[in-house]
Amino acid sequence: MDLQPESTDRPVAASLKATYRALLARGLEAGEAANLTAFLHGLPSGGFRWTLPEVEAIIQRRIAHAAEVRAESAAAAVASRTTGQARRPASHPRREARSGSTHVIDPPRS
């Protein structure tokens, strides 16, 4: 079942606006409320002056990206099931380069 874009946009936009309005009602100025709203929704706040439309646009992009990643993962899972091959996760290059022993950079001196 495909969701319509506006069905996922409304809850986020409503949440952002509700947070922003609540902060304004508590006496924050518009810029302060926008910055705190950005911070509360996971955006950096140090040295930035956010506006509510900027915060909303970035959050929407993050949601869209996460949806694309989930769709790609689902497609890859379906493709691996149809070909009968299990997808192996890529191993980390450092792990492959290690031998069986541990390595000490600077051993302690007596």
PDB file of N, CA and C in Angstrom:
ATOM      1  N   MET A   1       0.842  -1.171   0.000  1.00  0.00           N
ATOM      2  CA  MET A   1       0.000   0.000   0.000  1.00  0.00           C
ATOM      3  C   MET A   1       0.886   1.233   0.000  1.00  0.00           C
ATOM      4  N   ASP A   2       0.715   2.120  -0.972  1.00  0.00           N
ATOM      5  CA  ASP A   2       1.492   3.342  -1.060  1.00  0.00           C
ATOM      6  C   ASP A   2       0.760   4.469  -0.358  1.00  0.00           C
ATOM      7  N   LEU A   3       1.499   5.180   0.488  1.00  0.00           N
ATOM      8  CA  LEU A   3       0.925   6.336   1.164  1.00  0.00           C
ATOM      9  C   LEU A   3       1.039   7.547   0.266  1.00  0.00           C
ATOM     10  N   GLN A   4       0.053   8.390   0.326  1.00  0.00           N
ATOM     11  CA  GLN A   4       0.104   9.643  -0.410  1.00  0.00           C
ATOM     12  C   GLN A   4       1.096  10.568   0.282  1.00  0.00           C
ATOM     13  N   PRO A   5       1.878  11.372  -0.463  1.00  0.00           N
ATOM     14  CA  PRO A   5       2.876  12.232   0.161  1.00  0.00           C
ATOM     15  C   PRO A   5       2.301  13.152   1.239  1.00  0.00           C
ATOM     16  N   GLU A   6       1.105  13.684   1.018  1.00  0.00           N
ATOM     17  CA  GLU A   6       0.552  14.603   2.006  1.00  0.00           C
ATOM     18  C   GLU A   6       0.172  13.896   3.308  1.00  0.00           C
ATOM     19  N   SER A   7      -0.080  12.595   3.258  1.00  0.00           N
ATOM     20  CA  SER A   7      -0.442  11.898   4.483  1.00  0.00           C
ATOM     21  C   SER A   7       0.744  11.788   5.433  1.00  0.00           C
ATOM     22  N   THR A   8       1.973  11.731   4.909  1.00  0.00           N
ATOM     23  CA  THR A   8       3.147  11.700   5.769  1.00  0.00           C
ATOM     24  C   THR A   8       3.641  13.098   6.098  1.00  0.00           C
ATOM     25  N   ASP A   9       3.316  14.087   5.269  1.00  0.00           N
ATOM     26  CA  ASP A   9       3.761  15.456   5.511  1.00  0.00           C
ATOM     27  C   ASP A   9       2.994  16.109   6.646  1.00  0.00           C
ATOM     28  N   ARG A  10       1.724  15.867   6.732  1.00  0.00           N
ATOM     29  CA  ARG A  10       0.883  16.564   7.709  1.00  0.00           C
ATOM     30  C   ARG A  10       1.294  16.327   9.153  1.00  0.00           C
ATOM     31  N   PRO A  11       1.537  15.076   9.571  1.00  0.00           N
ATOM     32  CA  PRO A  11       1.916  14.896  10.974  1.00  0.00           C
ATOM     33  C   PRO A  11       3.209  15.612  11.343  1.00  0.00           C
ATOM     34  N   VAL A  12       4.207  15.602  10.457  1.00  0.00           N
ATOM     35  CA  VAL A  12       5.472  16.262  10.751  1.00  0.00           C
ATOM     36  C   VAL A  12       5.276  17.773  10.788  1.00  0.00           C
ATOM     37  N   ALA A  13       4.612  18.303   9.792  1.00  0.00           N
ATOM     38  CA  ALA A  13       4.364  19.745   9.757  1.00  0.00           C
ATOM     39  C   ALA A  13       3.546  20.172  10.972  1.00  0.00           C
ATOM     40  N   ALA A  14       2.555  19.389  11.321  1.00  0.00           N
ATOM     41  CA  ALA A  14       1.727  19.710  12.487  1.00  0.00           C
ATOM     42  C   ALA A  14       2.544  19.659  13.764  1.00  0.00           C
ATOM     43  N   SER A  15       3.424  18.685  13.881  1.00  0.00           N
ATOM     44  CA  SER A  15       4.270  18.565  15.063  1.00  0.00           C
ATOM     45  C   SER A  15       5.228  19.749  15.180  1.00  0.00           C
ATOM     46  N   LEU A  16       5.845  20.108  14.062  1.00  0.00           N
ATOM     47  CA  LEU A  16       6.753  21.252  14.068  1.00  0.00           C
ATOM     48  C   LEU A  16       6.028  22.535  14.455  1.00  0.00           C
ATOM     49  N   LYS A  17       4.883  22.747  13.837  1.00  0.00           N
ATOM     50  CA  LYS A  17       4.123  23.968  14.110  1.00  0.00           C
ATOM     51  C   LYS A  17       3.598  23.990  15.542  1.00  0.00           C
ATOM     52  N   ALA A  18       3.191  22.843  16.050  1.00  0.00           N
ATOM     53  CA  ALA A  18       2.703  22.779  17.428  1.00  0.00           C
ATOM     54  C   ALA A  18       3.828  23.096  18.408  1.00  0.00           C
ATOM     55  N   THR A  19       5.012  22.558  18.157  1.00  0.00           N
ATOM     56  CA  THR A  19       6.162  22.854  19.010  1.00  0.00           C
ATOM     57  C   THR A  19       6.483  24.340  18.959  1.00  0.00           C
ATOM     58  N   TYR A  20       6.534  24.881  17.756  1.00  0.00           N
ATOM     59  CA  TYR A  20       6.851  26.303  17.548  1.00  0.00           C
ATOM     60  C   TYR A  20       5.831  27.193  18.258  1.00  0.00           C
ATOM     61  N   ARG A  21       4.557  26.900  18.076  1.00  0.00           N
ATOM     62  CA  ARG A  21       3.513  27.711  18.715  1.00  0.00           C
ATOM     63  C   ARG A  21       3.566  27.621  20.233  1.00  0.00           C
ATOM     64  N   ALA A  22       3.838  26.439  20.752  1.00  0.00           N
ATOM     65  CA  ALA A  22       3.929  26.273  22.204  1.00  0.00           C
ATOM     66  C   ALA A  22       5.080  27.096  22.771  1.00  0.00           C
ATOM     67  N   LEU A  23       6.183  27.147  22.043  1.00  0.00           N
ATOM     68  CA  LEU A  23       7.325  27.942  22.500  1.00  0.00           C
ATOM     69  C   LEU A  23       7.020  29.436  22.424  1.00  0.00           C
ATOM     70  N   LEU A  24       6.330  29.850  21.375  1.00  0.00           N
ATOM     71  CA  LEU A  24       5.920  31.260  21.271  1.00  0.00           C
ATOM     72  C   LEU A  24       4.976  31.624  22.411  1.00  0.00           C
ATOM     73  N   ALA A  25       4.065  30.725  22.749  1.00  0.00           N
ATOM     74  CA  ALA A  25       3.096  30.981  23.813  1.00  0.00           C
ATOM     75  C   ALA A  25       3.781  31.087  25.172  1.00  0.00           C
ATOM     76  N   ARG A  26       4.952  30.480  25.292  1.00  0.00           N
ATOM     77  CA  ARG A  26       5.688  30.542  26.556  1.00  0.00           C
ATOM     78  C   ARG A  26       6.644  31.731  26.616  1.00  0.00           C
ATOM     79  N   GLY A  27       6.578  32.602  25.608  1.00  0.00           N
ATOM     80  CA  GLY A  27       7.334  33.851  25.662  1.00  0.00           C
ATOM     81  C   GLY A  27       8.607  33.906  24.851  1.00  0.00           C
ATOM     82  N   LEU A  28       8.943  32.860  24.107  1.00  0.00           N
ATOM     83  CA  LEU A  28      10.132  32.931  23.278  1.00  0.00           C
ATOM     84  C   LEU A  28       9.862  33.803  22.057  1.00  0.00           C
ATOM     85  N   GLU A  29      10.898  34.445  21.548  1.00  0.00           N
ATOM     86  CA  GLU A  29      10.781  35.203  20.311  1.00  0.00           C
ATOM     87  C   GLU A  29      10.756  34.224  19.141  1.00  0.00           C
ATOM     88  N   ALA A  30      10.355  34.705  17.979  1.00  0.00           N
ATOM     89  CA  ALA A  30      10.200  33.833  16.810  1.00  0.00           C
ATOM     90  C   ALA A  30      11.492  33.101  16.465  1.00  0.00           C
ATOM     91  N   GLY A  31      12.621  33.792  16.454  1.00  0.00           N
ATOM     92  CA  GLY A  31      13.901  33.157  16.134  1.00  0.00           C
ATOM     93  C   GLY A  31      14.306  32.121  17.158  1.00  0.00           C
ATOM     94  N   GLU A  32      14.094  32.450  18.430  1.00  0.00           N
ATOM     95  CA  GLU A  32      14.409  31.502  19.498  1.00  0.00           C
ATOM     96  C   GLU A  32      13.532  30.254  19.395  1.00  0.00           C
ATOM     97  N   ALA A  33      12.264  30.473  19.135  1.00  0.00           N
ATOM     98  CA  ALA A  33      11.333  29.345  19.015  1.00  0.00           C
ATOM     99  C   ALA A  33      11.706  28.455  17.827  1.00  0.00           C
ATOM    100  N   ALA A  34      12.088  29.063  16.709  1.00  0.00           N
ATOM    101  CA  ALA A  34      12.481  28.278  15.535  1.00  0.00           C
ATOM    102  C   ALA A  34      13.756  27.491  15.818  1.00  0.00           C
ATOM    103  N   ASN A  35      14.742  28.120  16.467  1.00  0.00           N
ATOM    104  CA  ASN A  35      15.988  27.415  16.787  1.00  0.00           C
ATOM    105  C   ASN A  35      15.750  26.262  17.755  1.00  0.00           C
ATOM    106  N   LEU A  36      14.936  26.488  18.764  1.00  0.00           N
ATOM    107  CA  LEU A  36      14.661  25.425  19.726  1.00  0.00           C
ATOM    108  C   LEU A  36      13.846  24.305  19.079  1.00  0.00           C
ATOM    109  N   THR A  37      12.925  24.659  18.194  1.00  0.00           N
ATOM    110  CA  THR A  37      12.168  23.653  17.457  1.00  0.00           C
ATOM    111  C   THR A  37      13.111  22.802  16.609  1.00  0.00           C
ATOM    112  N   ALA A  38      14.069  23.453  15.943  1.00  0.00           N
ATOM    113  CA  ALA A  38      15.057  22.728  15.143  1.00  0.00           C
ATOM    114  C   ALA A  38      15.858  21.781  16.026  1.00  0.00           C
ATOM    115  N   PHE A  39      16.314  22.276  17.165  1.00  0.00           N
ATOM    116  CA  PHE A  39      17.095  21.453  18.081  1.00  0.00           C
ATOM    117  C   PHE A  39      16.297  20.249  18.574  1.00  0.00           C
ATOM    118  N   LEU A  40      15.048  20.484  18.949  1.00  0.00           N
ATOM    119  CA  LEU A  40      14.206  19.404  19.458  1.00  0.00           C
ATOM    120  C   LEU A  40      13.904  18.342  18.404  1.00  0.00           C
ATOM    121  N   HIS A  41      14.024  18.723  17.134  1.00  0.00           N
ATOM    122  CA  HIS A  41      13.789  17.771  16.048  1.00  0.00           C
ATOM    123  C   HIS A  41      15.094  17.265  15.440  1.00  0.00           C
ATOM    124  N   GLY A  42      16.202  17.424  16.191  1.00  0.00           N
ATOM    125  CA  GLY A  42      17.455  16.795  15.798  1.00  0.00           C
ATOM    126  C   GLY A  42      18.379  17.583  14.909  1.00  0.00           C
ATOM    127  N   LEU A  43      18.152  18.869  14.751  1.00  0.00           N
ATOM    128  CA  LEU A  43      19.033  19.684  13.923  1.00  0.00           C
ATOM    129  C   LEU A  43      20.012  20.444  14.809  1.00  0.00           C
ATOM    130  N   PRO A  44      21.189  20.771  14.279  1.00  0.00           N
ATOM    131  CA  PRO A  44      22.152  21.522  15.078  1.00  0.00           C
ATOM    132  C   PRO A  44      21.635  22.927  15.365  1.00  0.00           C
ATOM    133  N   SER A  45      21.986  23.444  16.519  1.00  0.00           N
ATOM    134  CA  SER A  45      21.474  24.769  16.871  1.00  0.00           C
ATOM    135  C   SER A  45      22.577  25.785  17.104  1.00  0.00           C
ATOM    136  N   GLY A  46      23.779  25.352  17.364  1.00  0.00           N
ATOM    137  CA  GLY A  46      24.871  26.274  17.636  1.00  0.00           C
ATOM    138  C   GLY A  46      25.277  27.044  16.391  1.00  0.00           C
ATOM    139  N   GLY A  47      25.165  28.362  16.445  1.00  0.00           N
ATOM    140  CA  GLY A  47      25.592  29.202  15.329  1.00  0.00           C
ATOM    141  C   GLY A  47      24.608  29.278  14.169  1.00  0.00           C
ATOM    142  N   PHE A  48      23.431  28.729  14.314  1.00  0.00           N
ATOM    143  CA  PHE A  48      22.427  28.767  13.252  1.00  0.00           C
ATOM    144  C   PHE A  48      21.270  29.660  13.659  1.00  0.00           C
ATOM    145  N   ARG A  49      20.655  30.247  12.665  1.00  0.00           N
ATOM    146  CA  ARG A  49      19.403  30.983  12.866  1.00  0.00           C
ATOM    147  C   ARG A  49      18.374  30.348  11.926  1.00  0.00           C
ATOM    148  N   TRP A  50      17.600  29.447  12.472  1.00  0.00           N
ATOM    149  CA  TRP A  50      16.623  28.705  11.682  1.00  0.00           C
ATOM    150  C   TRP A  50      15.321  29.486  11.555  1.00  0.00           C
ATOM    151  N   THR A  51      14.621  29.200  10.461  1.00  0.00           N
ATOM    152  CA  THR A  51      13.226  29.621  10.328  1.00  0.00           C
ATOM    153  C   THR A  51      12.403  28.348  10.296  1.00  0.00           C
ATOM    154  N   LEU A  52      11.147  28.456  10.629  1.00  0.00           N
ATOM    155  CA  LEU A  52      10.297  27.264  10.646  1.00  0.00           C
ATOM    156  C   LEU A  52      10.219  26.586   9.271  1.00  0.00           C
ATOM    157  N   PRO A  53      10.084  27.340   8.164  1.00  0.00           N
ATOM    158  CA  PRO A  53      10.063  26.663   6.853  1.00  0.00           C
ATOM    159  C   PRO A  53      11.363  25.906   6.542  1.00  0.00           C
ATOM    160  N   GLU A  54      12.510  26.431   6.991  1.00  0.00           N
ATOM    161  CA  GLU A  54      13.773  25.720   6.773  1.00  0.00           C
ATOM    162  C   GLU A  54      13.802  24.410   7.559  1.00  0.00           C
ATOM    163  N   VAL A  55      13.373  24.472   8.798  1.00  0.00           N
ATOM    164  CA  VAL A  55      13.343  23.273   9.636  1.00  0.00           C
ATOM    165  C   VAL A  55      12.417  22.228   9.012  1.00  0.00           C
ATOM    166  N   GLU A  56      11.256  22.680   8.597  1.00  0.00           N
ATOM    167  CA  GLU A  56      10.288  21.760   7.998  1.00  0.00           C
ATOM    168  C   GLU A  56      10.842  21.121   6.716  1.00  0.00           C
ATOM    169  N   ALA A  57      11.510  21.910   5.882  1.00  0.00           N
ATOM    170  CA  ALA A  57      12.068  21.380   4.633  1.00  0.00           C
ATOM    171  C   ALA A  57      13.136  20.320   4.905  1.00  0.00           C
ATOM    172  N   ILE A  58      13.996  20.564   5.872  1.00  0.00           N
ATOM    173  CA  ILE A  58      15.058  19.605   6.171  1.00  0.00           C
ATOM    174  C   ILE A  58      14.481  18.319   6.769  1.00  0.00           C
ATOM    175  N   ILE A  59      13.541  18.465   7.662  1.00  0.00           N
ATOM    176  CA  ILE A  59      12.917  17.281   8.261  1.00  0.00           C
ATOM    177  C   ILE A  59      12.207  16.460   7.180  1.00  0.00           C
ATOM    178  N   GLN A  60      11.513  17.125   6.267  1.00  0.00           N
ATOM    179  CA  GLN A  60      10.834  16.414   5.176  1.00  0.00           C
ATOM    180  C   GLN A  60      11.836  15.682   4.291  1.00  0.00           C
ATOM    181  N   ARG A  61      12.992  16.313   4.028  1.00  0.00           N
ATOM    182  CA  ARG A  61      14.028  15.649   3.225  1.00  0.00           C
ATOM    183  C   ARG A  61      14.561  14.414   3.941  1.00  0.00           C
ATOM    184  N   ARG A  62      14.746  14.518   5.249  1.00  0.00           N
ATOM    185  CA  ARG A  62      15.220  13.366   6.019  1.00  0.00           C
ATOM    186  C   ARG A  62      14.216  12.220   5.955  1.00  0.00           C
ATOM    187  N   ILE A  63      12.947  12.551   6.074  1.00  0.00           N
ATOM    188  CA  ILE A  63      11.903  11.523   6.019  1.00  0.00           C
ATOM    189  C   ILE A  63      11.875  10.874   4.636  1.00  0.00           C
ATOM    190  N   ALA A  64      11.972  11.689   3.590  1.00  0.00           N
ATOM    191  CA  ALA A  64      11.964  11.158   2.224  1.00  0.00           C
ATOM    192  C   ALA A  64      13.172  10.250   1.992  1.00  0.00           C
ATOM    193  N   HIS A  65      14.333  10.661   2.486  1.00  0.00           N
ATOM    194  CA  HIS A  65      15.541   9.851   2.326  1.00  0.00           C
ATOM    195  C   HIS A  65      15.395   8.519   3.056  1.00  0.00           C
ATOM    196  N   ALA A  66      14.887   8.560   4.279  1.00  0.00           N
ATOM    197  CA  ALA A  66      14.696   7.325   5.043  1.00  0.00           C
ATOM    198  C   ALA A  66      13.726   6.384   4.330  1.00  0.00           C
ATOM    199  N   ALA A  67      12.677   6.951   3.725  1.00  0.00           N
ATOM    200  CA  ALA A  67      11.719   6.124   2.983  1.00  0.00           C
ATOM    201  C   ALA A  67      12.382   5.481   1.761  1.00  0.00           C
ATOM    202  N   GLU A  68      13.250   6.239   1.073  1.00  0.00           N
ATOM    203  CA  GLU A  68      13.958   5.692  -0.083  1.00  0.00           C
ATOM    204  C   GLU A  68      14.885   4.552   0.338  1.00  0.00           C
ATOM    205  N   VAL A  69      15.599   4.741   1.438  1.00  0.00           N
ATOM    206  CA  VAL A  69      16.511   3.703   1.923  1.00  0.00           C
ATOM    207  C   VAL A  69      15.734   2.443   2.295  1.00  0.00           C
ATOM    208  N   ARG A  70      14.580   2.619   2.976  1.00  0.00           N
ATOM    209  CA  ARG A  70      13.756   1.452   3.323  1.00  0.00           C
ATOM    210  C   ARG A  70      13.251   0.741   2.071  1.00  0.00           C
ATOM    211  N   ALA A  71      12.835   1.508   1.078  1.00  0.00           N
ATOM    212  CA  ALA A  71      12.331   0.907  -0.162  1.00  0.00           C
ATOM    213  C   ALA A  71      13.438   0.141  -0.882  1.00  0.00           C
ATOM    214  N   GLU A  72      14.640   0.706  -0.912  1.00  0.00           N
ATOM    215  CA  GLU A  72      15.764   0.014  -1.547  1.00  0.00           C
ATOM    216  C   GLU A  72      16.109  -1.274  -0.800  1.00  0.00           C
ATOM    217  N   SER A  73      16.071  -1.229   0.531  1.00  0.00           N
ATOM    218  CA  SER A  73      16.352  -2.429   1.325  1.00  0.00           C
ATOM    219  C   SER A  73      15.310  -3.503   1.081  1.00  0.00           C
ATOM    220  N   ALA A  74      14.057  -3.084   1.024  1.00  0.00           N
ATOM    221  CA  ALA A  74      12.982  -4.037   0.770  1.00  0.00           C
ATOM    222  C   ALA A  74      13.130  -4.651  -0.617  1.00  0.00           C
ATOM    223  N   ALA A  75      13.473  -3.825  -1.610  1.00  0.00           N
ATOM    224  CA  ALA A  75      13.653  -4.332  -2.970  1.00  0.00           C
ATOM    225  C   ALA A  75      14.826  -5.300  -3.029  1.00  0.00           C
ATOM    226  N   ALA A  76      15.898  -4.991  -2.318  1.00  0.00           N
ATOM    227  CA  ALA A  76      17.059  -5.881  -2.304  1.00  0.00           C
ATOM    228  C   ALA A  76      16.720  -7.200  -1.615  1.00  0.00           C
ATOM    229  N   ALA A  77      15.932  -7.134  -0.553  1.00  0.00           N
ATOM    230  CA  ALA A  77      15.539  -8.360   0.151  1.00  0.00           C
ATOM    231  C   ALA A  77      14.677  -9.234  -0.750  1.00  0.00           C
ATOM    232  N   VAL A  78      13.755  -8.630  -1.463  1.00  0.00           N
ATOM    233  CA  VAL A  78      12.901  -9.384  -2.379  1.00  0.00           C
ATOM    234  C   VAL A  78      13.748  -9.983  -3.505  1.00  0.00           C
ATOM    235  N   ALA A  79      14.689  -9.194  -4.028  1.00  0.00           N
ATOM    236  CA  ALA A  79      15.543  -9.681  -5.108  1.00  0.00           C
ATOM    237  C   ALA A  79      16.404 -10.849  -4.641  1.00  0.00           C
ATOM    238  N   SER A  80      16.914 -10.781  -3.407  1.00  0.00           N
ATOM    239  CA  SER A  80      17.756 -11.878  -2.923  1.00  0.00           C
ATOM    240  C   SER A  80      16.932 -13.143  -2.682  1.00  0.00           C
ATOM    241  N   ARG A  81      15.670 -12.973  -2.284  1.00  0.00           N
ATOM    242  CA  ARG A  81      14.808 -14.148  -2.089  1.00  0.00           C
ATOM    243  C   ARG A  81      14.451 -14.789  -3.420  1.00  0.00           C
ATOM    244  N   THR A  82      14.242 -13.975  -4.437  1.00  0.00           N
ATOM    245  CA  THR A  82      13.847 -14.532  -5.735  1.00  0.00           C
ATOM    246  C   THR A  82      15.017 -15.195  -6.438  1.00  0.00           C
ATOM    247  N   THR A  83      16.246 -14.759  -6.164  1.00  0.00           N
ATOM    248  CA  THR A  83      17.397 -15.395  -6.794  1.00  0.00           C
ATOM    249  C   THR A  83      17.917 -16.555  -5.963  1.00  0.00           C
ATOM    250  N   GLY A  84      17.436 -16.677  -4.729  1.00  0.00           N
ATOM    251  CA  GLY A  84      17.840 -17.778  -3.870  1.00  0.00           C
ATOM    252  C   GLY A  84      19.170 -17.563  -3.190  1.00  0.00           C
ATOM    253  N   GLN A  85      19.699 -16.364  -3.260  1.00  0.00           N
ATOM    254  CA  GLN A  85      20.985 -16.080  -2.641  1.00  0.00           C
ATOM    255  C   GLN A  85      20.774 -15.140  -1.465  1.00  0.00           C
ATOM    256  N   ALA A  86      21.398 -15.464  -0.370  1.00  0.00           N
ATOM    257  CA  ALA A  86      21.348 -14.573   0.787  1.00  0.00           C
ATOM    258  C   ALA A  86      22.404 -13.499   0.596  1.00  0.00           C
ATOM    259  N   ARG A  87      22.040 -12.290   0.869  1.00  0.00           N
ATOM    260  CA  ARG A  87      22.977 -11.183   0.712  1.00  0.00           C
ATOM    261  C   ARG A  87      23.894 -11.144   1.929  1.00  0.00           C
ATOM    262  N   ARG A  88      25.197 -11.160   1.678  1.00  0.00           N
ATOM    263  CA  ARG A  88      26.168 -11.100   2.765  1.00  0.00           C
ATOM    264  C   ARG A  88      26.532  -9.649   3.023  1.00  0.00           C
ATOM    265  N   PRO A  89      26.568  -9.250   4.281  1.00  0.00           N
ATOM    266  CA  PRO A  89      26.965  -7.879   4.568  1.00  0.00           C
ATOM    267  C   PRO A  89      28.438  -7.665   4.244  1.00  0.00           C
ATOM    268  N   ALA A  90      28.752  -6.482   3.789  1.00  0.00           N
ATOM    269  CA  ALA A  90      30.140  -6.162   3.490  1.00  0.00           C
ATOM    270  C   ALA A  90      30.915  -6.088   4.794  1.00  0.00           C
ATOM    271  N   SER A  91      32.085  -6.700   4.809  1.00  0.00           N
ATOM    272  CA  SER A  91      32.877  -6.648   6.032  1.00  0.00           C
ATOM    273  C   SER A  91      33.718  -5.388   6.035  1.00  0.00           C
ATOM    274  N   HIS A  92      34.139  -5.024   7.189  1.00  0.00           N
ATOM    275  CA  HIS A  92      34.919  -3.810   7.360  1.00  0.00           C
ATOM    276  C   HIS A  92      36.344  -4.069   6.871  1.00  0.00           C
ATOM    277  N   PRO A  93      36.966  -3.140   6.101  1.00  0.00           N
ATOM    278  CA  PRO A  93      38.311  -3.379   5.558  1.00  0.00           C
ATOM    279  C   PRO A  93      39.356  -3.642   6.634  1.00  0.00           C
ATOM    280  N   ARG A  94      39.261  -2.967   7.769  1.00  0.00           N
ATOM    281  CA  ARG A  94      40.240  -3.188   8.829  1.00  0.00           C
ATOM    282  C   ARG A  94      40.155  -4.611   9.370  1.00  0.00           C
ATOM    283  N   ARG A  95      38.955  -5.114   9.479  1.00  0.00           N
ATOM    284  CA  ARG A  95      38.789  -6.458  10.015  1.00  0.00           C
ATOM    285  C   ARG A  95      39.404  -7.498   9.094  1.00  0.00           C
ATOM    286  N   GLU A  96      39.322  -7.260   7.801  1.00  0.00           N
ATOM    287  CA  GLU A  96      39.913  -8.205   6.862  1.00  0.00           C
ATOM    288  C   GLU A  96      41.430  -8.145   6.909  1.00  0.00           C
ATOM    289  N   ALA A  97      42.006  -6.972   7.177  1.00  0.00           N
ATOM    290  CA  ALA A  97      43.446  -6.796   7.145  1.00  0.00           C
ATOM    291  C   ALA A  97      44.128  -7.346   8.387  1.00  0.00           C
ATOM    292  N   ARG A  98      43.409  -7.542   9.463  1.00  0.00           N
ATOM    293  CA  ARG A  98      44.008  -8.016  10.704  1.00  0.00           C
ATOM    294  C   ARG A  98      44.391  -9.492  10.627  1.00  0.00           C
ATOM    295  N   SER A  99      45.469  -9.768  11.319  1.00  0.00           N
ATOM    296  CA  SER A  99      45.811 -11.183  11.490  1.00  0.00           C
ATOM    297  C   SER A  99      45.169 -11.650  12.780  1.00  0.00           C
ATOM    298  N   GLY A 100      45.446 -12.844  13.203  1.00  0.00           N
ATOM    299  CA  GLY A 100      44.822 -13.393  14.387  1.00  0.00           C
ATOM    300  C   GLY A 100      45.344 -12.820  15.695  1.00  0.00           C
ATOM    301  N   SER A 101      46.477 -12.108  15.679  1.00  0.00           N
ATOM    302  CA  SER A 101      47.046 -11.594  16.923  1.00  0.00           C
ATOM    303  C   SER A 101      46.649 -10.142  17.151  1.00  0.00           C
ATOM    304  N   THR A 102      46.827  -9.719  18.385  1.00  0.00           N
ATOM    305  CA  THR A 102      46.570  -8.311  18.697  1.00  0.00           C
ATOM    306  C   THR A 102      47.840  -7.527  18.449  1.00  0.00           C
ATOM    307  N   HIS A 103      47.694  -6.243  18.244  1.00  0.00           N
ATOM    308  CA  HIS A 103      48.833  -5.402  17.938  1.00  0.00           C
ATOM    309  C   HIS A 103      48.864  -4.254  18.938  1.00  0.00           C
ATOM    310  N   VAL A 104      50.008  -4.046  19.578  1.00  0.00           N
ATOM    311  CA  VAL A 104      50.184  -2.947  20.516  1.00  0.00           C
ATOM    312  C   VAL A 104      51.084  -1.925  19.873  1.00  0.00           C
ATOM    313  N   ILE A 105      50.618  -0.688  19.801  1.00  0.00           N
ATOM    314  CA  ILE A 105      51.418   0.357  19.152  1.00  0.00           C
ATOM    315  C   ILE A 105      52.656   0.670  19.973  1.00  0.00           C
ATOM    316  N   ASP A 106      52.469   1.035  21.226  1.00  0.00           N
ATOM    317  CA  ASP A 106      53.591   1.347  22.116  1.00  0.00           C
ATOM    318  C   ASP A 106      53.496   0.464  23.347  1.00  0.00           C
ATOM    319  N   PRO A 107      54.298  -0.602  23.398  1.00  0.00           N
ATOM    320  CA  PRO A 107      54.224  -1.457  24.581  1.00  0.00           C
ATOM    321  C   PRO A 107      54.720  -0.696  25.816  1.00  0.00           C
ATOM    322  N   PRO A 108      54.207  -1.032  26.999  1.00  0.00           N
ATOM    323  CA  PRO A 108      54.640  -0.357  28.218  1.00  0.00           C
ATOM    324  C   PRO A 108      56.106  -0.624  28.486  1.00  0.00           C
ATOM    325  N   ARG A 109      56.791   0.394  29.008  1.00  0.00           N
ATOM    326  CA  ARG A 109      58.223   0.253  29.323  1.00  0.00           C
ATOM    327  C   ARG A 109      58.396   0.025  30.818  1.00  0.00           C
ATOM    328  N   SER A 110      59.346  -0.813  31.183  1.00  0.00           N
ATOM    329  CA  SER A 110      59.574  -1.126  32.602  1.00  0.00           C
ATOM    330  C   SER A 110      60.507  -0.130  33.231  1.00  0.00           C
TER     331      SER A 110
END
